[in-house]
Amino acid sequence: MAIAGAAVAATIESIPDWGRWTLAGVAVLGIAVLIGPAAHRLAGERTRSPRTSAAR
């Protein structure tokens, strides 16, 4: 919800330009943080390597 709120707030004309750019950057960064781990998981990559040599 915070990402959506930042994205909507970035479209408000009464906010100064620097504030709109900051809110848009926060929204994009938030989306990237959510998509990154999901993309790794969908690609089949393991999130953690085995801890011991026997587990490898």
PDB file of N, CA and C in Angstrom:
ATOM      1  N   MET A   1       0.812  -1.181   0.000  1.00  0.00           N
ATOM      2  CA  MET A   1       0.000   0.000   0.000  1.00  0.00           C
ATOM      3  C   MET A   1       0.863   1.255   0.000  1.00  0.00           C
ATOM      4  N   ALA A   2       2.005   1.179   0.644  1.00  0.00           N
ATOM      5  CA  ALA A   2       2.887   2.337   0.684  1.00  0.00           C
ATOM      6  C   ALA A   2       3.407   2.672  -0.718  1.00  0.00           C
ATOM      7  N   ILE A   3       3.689   1.653  -1.501  1.00  0.00           N
ATOM      8  CA  ILE A   3       4.174   1.883  -2.866  1.00  0.00           C
ATOM      9  C   ILE A   3       3.080   2.534  -3.707  1.00  0.00           C
ATOM     10  N   ALA A   4       1.870   2.022  -3.583  1.00  0.00           N
ATOM     11  CA  ALA A   4       0.756   2.610  -4.328  1.00  0.00           C
ATOM     12  C   ALA A   4       0.490   4.037  -3.863  1.00  0.00           C
ATOM     13  N   GLY A   5       0.585   4.279  -2.581  1.00  0.00           N
ATOM     14  CA  GLY A   5       0.392   5.634  -2.064  1.00  0.00           C
ATOM     15  C   GLY A   5       1.431   6.599  -2.582  1.00  0.00           C
ATOM     16  N   ALA A   6       2.675   6.151  -2.643  1.00  0.00           N
ATOM     17  CA  ALA A   6       3.744   7.006  -3.170  1.00  0.00           C
ATOM     18  C   ALA A   6       3.535   7.277  -4.653  1.00  0.00           C
ATOM     19  N   ALA A   7       3.073   6.263  -5.383  1.00  0.00           N
ATOM     20  CA  ALA A   7       2.835   6.447  -6.818  1.00  0.00           C
ATOM     21  C   ALA A   7       1.694   7.423  -7.067  1.00  0.00           C
ATOM     22  N   VAL A   8       0.634   7.318  -6.294  1.00  0.00           N
ATOM     23  CA  VAL A   8      -0.497   8.236  -6.456  1.00  0.00           C
ATOM     24  C   VAL A   8      -0.103   9.644  -6.026  1.00  0.00           C
ATOM     25  N   ALA A   9       0.629   9.761  -4.929  1.00  0.00           N
ATOM     26  CA  ALA A   9       1.041  11.078  -4.454  1.00  0.00           C
ATOM     27  C   ALA A   9       1.969  11.764  -5.451  1.00  0.00           C
ATOM     28  N   ALA A  10       2.713  10.987  -6.224  1.00  0.00           N
ATOM     29  CA  ALA A  10       3.623  11.571  -7.215  1.00  0.00           C
ATOM     30  C   ALA A  10       2.866  12.229  -8.356  1.00  0.00           C
ATOM     31  N   THR A  11       1.597  11.921  -8.511  1.00  0.00           N
ATOM     32  CA  THR A  11       0.811  12.510  -9.598  1.00  0.00           C
ATOM     33  C   THR A  11       0.103  13.793  -9.182  1.00  0.00           C
ATOM     34  N   ILE A  12       0.173  14.167  -7.916  1.00  0.00           N
ATOM     35  CA  ILE A  12      -0.498  15.372  -7.434  1.00  0.00           C
ATOM     36  C   ILE A  12       0.282  16.606  -7.888  1.00  0.00           C
ATOM     37  N   GLU A  13      -0.407  17.510  -8.540  1.00  0.00           N
ATOM     38  CA  GLU A  13       0.246  18.690  -9.118  1.00  0.00           C
ATOM     39  C   GLU A  13       0.689  19.702  -8.075  1.00  0.00           C
ATOM     40  N   SER A  14       0.081  19.719  -6.888  1.00  0.00           N
ATOM     41  CA  SER A  14       0.413  20.749  -5.906  1.00  0.00           C
ATOM     42  C   SER A  14       1.730  20.487  -5.172  1.00  0.00           C
ATOM     43  N   ILE A  15       2.286  19.302  -5.326  1.00  0.00           N
ATOM     44  CA  ILE A  15       3.568  18.962  -4.706  1.00  0.00           C
ATOM     45  C   ILE A  15       4.689  19.519  -5.590  1.00  0.00           C
ATOM     46  N   PRO A  16       5.751  20.085  -5.003  1.00  0.00           N
ATOM     47  CA  PRO A  16       6.868  20.593  -5.823  1.00  0.00           C
ATOM     48  C   PRO A  16       7.483  19.478  -6.673  1.00  0.00           C
ATOM     49  N   ASP A  17       8.152  19.889  -7.739  1.00  0.00           N
ATOM     50  CA  ASP A  17       8.745  18.915  -8.669  1.00  0.00           C
ATOM     51  C   ASP A  17       9.694  17.954  -7.965  1.00  0.00           C
ATOM     52  N   TRP A  18      10.556  18.478  -7.076  1.00  0.00           N
ATOM     53  CA  TRP A  18      11.516  17.596  -6.405  1.00  0.00           C
ATOM     54  C   TRP A  18      10.774  16.565  -5.546  1.00  0.00           C
ATOM     55  N   GLY A  19       9.657  16.938  -4.968  1.00  0.00           N
ATOM     56  CA  GLY A  19       8.881  15.996  -4.159  1.00  0.00           C
ATOM     57  C   GLY A  19       8.223  14.930  -5.004  1.00  0.00           C
ATOM     58  N   ARG A  20       7.747  15.340  -6.163  1.00  0.00           N
ATOM     59  CA  ARG A  20       7.125  14.357  -7.061  1.00  0.00           C
ATOM     60  C   ARG A  20       8.142  13.360  -7.575  1.00  0.00           C
ATOM     61  N   TRP A  21       9.347  13.853  -7.919  1.00  0.00           N
ATOM     62  CA  TRP A  21      10.401  12.953  -8.385  1.00  0.00           C
ATOM     63  C   TRP A  21      10.843  12.002  -7.268  1.00  0.00           C
ATOM     64  N   THR A  22      10.895  12.518  -6.053  1.00  0.00           N
ATOM     65  CA  THR A  22      11.284  11.683  -4.919  1.00  0.00           C
ATOM     66  C   THR A  22      10.252  10.593  -4.676  1.00  0.00           C
ATOM     67  N   LEU A  23       8.980  10.951  -4.703  1.00  0.00           N
ATOM     68  CA  LEU A  23       7.921   9.961  -4.501  1.00  0.00           C
ATOM     69  C   LEU A  23       7.902   8.925  -5.626  1.00  0.00           C
ATOM     70  N   ALA A  24       8.128   9.373  -6.844  1.00  0.00           N
ATOM     71  CA  ALA A  24       8.183   8.433  -7.966  1.00  0.00           C
ATOM     72  C   ALA A  24       9.362   7.480  -7.809  1.00  0.00           C
ATOM     73  N   GLY A  25      10.504   7.997  -7.361  1.00  0.00           N
ATOM     74  CA  GLY A  25      11.675   7.139  -7.136  1.00  0.00           C
ATOM     75  C   GLY A  25      11.431   6.126  -6.041  1.00  0.00           C
ATOM     76  N   VAL A  26      10.754   6.548  -4.970  1.00  0.00           N
ATOM     77  CA  VAL A  26      10.428   5.620  -3.885  1.00  0.00           C
ATOM     78  C   VAL A  26       9.505   4.521  -4.399  1.00  0.00           C
ATOM     79  N   ALA A  27       8.533   4.878  -5.221  1.00  0.00           N
ATOM     80  CA  ALA A  27       7.608   3.879  -5.769  1.00  0.00           C
ATOM     81  C   ALA A  27       8.339   2.879  -6.661  1.00  0.00           C
ATOM     82  N   VAL A  28       9.212   3.374  -7.519  1.00  0.00           N
ATOM     83  CA  VAL A  28       9.955   2.481  -8.421  1.00  0.00           C
ATOM     84  C   VAL A  28      10.893   1.578  -7.624  1.00  0.00           C
ATOM     85  N   LEU A  29      11.560   2.132  -6.635  1.00  0.00           N
ATOM     86  CA  LEU A  29      12.451   1.327  -5.798  1.00  0.00           C
ATOM     87  C   LEU A  29      11.663   0.255  -5.045  1.00  0.00           C
ATOM     88  N   GLY A  30      10.506   0.617  -4.536  1.00  0.00           N
ATOM     89  CA  GLY A  30       9.680  -0.359  -3.832  1.00  0.00           C
ATOM     90  C   GLY A  30       9.233  -1.487  -4.732  1.00  0.00           C
ATOM     91  N   ILE A  31       8.880  -1.171  -5.953  1.00  0.00           N
ATOM     92  CA  ILE A  31       8.477  -2.209  -6.906  1.00  0.00           C
ATOM     93  C   ILE A  31       9.663  -3.112  -7.220  1.00  0.00           C
ATOM     94  N   ALA A  32      10.845  -2.532  -7.387  1.00  0.00           N
ATOM     95  CA  ALA A  32      12.038  -3.331  -7.683  1.00  0.00           C
ATOM     96  C   ALA A  32      12.379  -4.257  -6.526  1.00  0.00           C
ATOM     97  N   VAL A  33      12.193  -3.782  -5.313  1.00  0.00           N
ATOM     98  CA  VAL A  33      12.481  -4.617  -4.137  1.00  0.00           C
ATOM     99  C   VAL A  33      11.538  -5.809  -4.091  1.00  0.00           C
ATOM    100  N   LEU A  34      10.304  -5.620  -4.495  1.00  0.00           N
ATOM    101  CA  LEU A  34       9.347  -6.723  -4.491  1.00  0.00           C
ATOM    102  C   LEU A  34       9.540  -7.678  -5.667  1.00  0.00           C
ATOM    103  N   ILE A  35       9.898  -7.153  -6.824  1.00  0.00           N
ATOM    104  CA  ILE A  35      10.026  -7.991  -8.019  1.00  0.00           C
ATOM    105  C   ILE A  35      11.320  -8.794  -8.019  1.00  0.00           C
ATOM    106  N   GLY A  36      12.393  -8.257  -7.453  1.00  0.00           N
ATOM    107  CA  GLY A  36      13.694  -8.932  -7.495  1.00  0.00           C
ATOM    108  C   GLY A  36      13.677 -10.355  -6.955  1.00  0.00           C
ATOM    109  N   PRO A  37      13.275 -10.562  -5.703  1.00  0.00           N
ATOM    110  CA  PRO A  37      13.247 -11.928  -5.172  1.00  0.00           C
ATOM    111  C   PRO A  37      12.259 -12.838  -5.907  1.00  0.00           C
ATOM    112  N   ALA A  38      11.156 -12.277  -6.347  1.00  0.00           N
ATOM    113  CA  ALA A  38      10.186 -13.093  -7.078  1.00  0.00           C
ATOM    114  C   ALA A  38      10.766 -13.566  -8.412  1.00  0.00           C
ATOM    115  N   ALA A  39      11.517 -12.714  -9.073  1.00  0.00           N
ATOM    116  CA  ALA A  39      12.133 -13.090 -10.345  1.00  0.00           C
ATOM    117  C   ALA A  39      13.166 -14.200 -10.141  1.00  0.00           C
ATOM    118  N   HIS A  40      13.942 -14.114  -9.083  1.00  0.00           N
ATOM    119  CA  HIS A  40      14.917 -15.177  -8.797  1.00  0.00           C
ATOM    120  C   HIS A  40      14.205 -16.494  -8.521  1.00  0.00           C
ATOM    121  N   ARG A  41      13.147 -16.435  -7.771  1.00  0.00           N
ATOM    122  CA  ARG A  41      12.408 -17.644  -7.436  1.00  0.00           C
ATOM    123  C   ARG A  41      11.775 -18.253  -8.673  1.00  0.00           C
ATOM    124  N   LEU A  42      11.208 -17.408  -9.550  1.00  0.00           N
ATOM    125  CA  LEU A  42      10.597 -17.911 -10.778  1.00  0.00           C
ATOM    126  C   LEU A  42      11.636 -18.471 -11.739  1.00  0.00           C
ATOM    127  N   ALA A  43      12.863 -17.964 -11.675  1.00  0.00           N
ATOM    128  CA  ALA A  43      13.931 -18.469 -12.531  1.00  0.00           C
ATOM    129  C   ALA A  43      14.508 -19.780 -12.026  1.00  0.00           C
ATOM    130  N   GLY A  44      14.086 -20.189 -10.830  1.00  0.00           N
ATOM    131  CA  GLY A  44      14.556 -21.460 -10.288  1.00  0.00           C
ATOM    132  C   GLY A  44      15.844 -21.360  -9.516  1.00  0.00           C
ATOM    133  N   GLU A  45      16.309 -20.159  -9.234  1.00  0.00           N
ATOM    134  CA  GLU A  45      17.543 -20.004  -8.466  1.00  0.00           C
ATOM    135  C   GLU A  45      17.268 -20.265  -6.993  1.00  0.00           C
ATOM    136  N   ARG A  46      18.231 -20.874  -6.349  1.00  0.00           N
ATOM    137  CA  ARG A  46      18.109 -21.118  -4.915  1.00  0.00           C
ATOM    138  C   ARG A  46      18.426 -19.848  -4.167  1.00  0.00           C
ATOM    139  N   THR A  47      17.710 -19.624  -3.083  1.00  0.00           N
ATOM    140  CA  THR A  47      17.932 -18.390  -2.339  1.00  0.00           C
ATOM    141  C   THR A  47      19.167 -18.468  -1.455  1.00  0.00           C
ATOM    142  N   ARG A  48      19.493 -19.652  -0.968  1.00  0.00           N
ATOM    143  CA  ARG A  48      20.660 -19.799  -0.098  1.00  0.00           C
ATOM    144  C   ARG A  48      21.448 -21.043  -0.517  1.00  0.00           C
ATOM    145  N   SER A  49      22.737 -20.930  -0.476  1.00  0.00           N
ATOM    146  CA  SER A  49      23.557 -22.077  -0.798  1.00  0.00           C
ATOM    147  C   SER A  49      23.626 -22.999   0.418  1.00  0.00           C
ATOM    148  N   PRO A  50      23.890 -24.282   0.199  1.00  0.00           N
ATOM    149  CA  PRO A  50      23.995 -25.213   1.326  1.00  0.00           C
ATOM    150  C   PRO A  50      25.100 -24.779   2.279  1.00  0.00           C
ATOM    151  N   ARG A  51      24.872 -25.002   3.570  1.00  0.00           N
ATOM    152  CA  ARG A  51      25.818 -24.547   4.594  1.00  0.00           C
ATOM    153  C   ARG A  51      27.030 -25.469   4.731  1.00  0.00           C
ATOM    154  N   THR A  52      26.838 -26.743   4.533  1.00  0.00           N
ATOM    155  CA  THR A  52      27.952 -27.690   4.730  1.00  0.00           C
ATOM    156  C   THR A  52      28.300 -28.363   3.409  1.00  0.00           C
ATOM    157  N   SER A  53      29.482 -28.936   3.349  1.00  0.00           N
ATOM    158  CA  SER A  53      29.892 -29.637   2.138  1.00  0.00           C
ATOM    159  C   SER A  53      29.076 -30.918   1.949  1.00  0.00           C
ATOM    160  N   ALA A  54      28.614 -31.524   3.025  1.00  0.00           N
ATOM    161  CA  ALA A  54      27.808 -32.730   2.905  1.00  0.00           C
ATOM    162  C   ALA A  54      26.441 -32.427   2.293  1.00  0.00           C
ATOM    163  N   ALA A  55      25.927 -31.249   2.549  1.00  0.00           N
ATOM    164  CA  ALA A  55      24.624 -30.887   2.008  1.00  0.00           C
ATOM    165  C   ALA A  55      24.701 -30.533   0.517  1.00  0.00           C
ATOM    166  N   ARG A  56      25.890 -30.208   0.031  1.00  0.00           N
ATOM    167  CA  ARG A  56      26.042 -29.861  -1.386  1.00  0.00           C
ATOM    168  C   ARG A  56      25.948 -31.101  -2.207  1.00  0.00           C
TER     169      ARG A  56
END
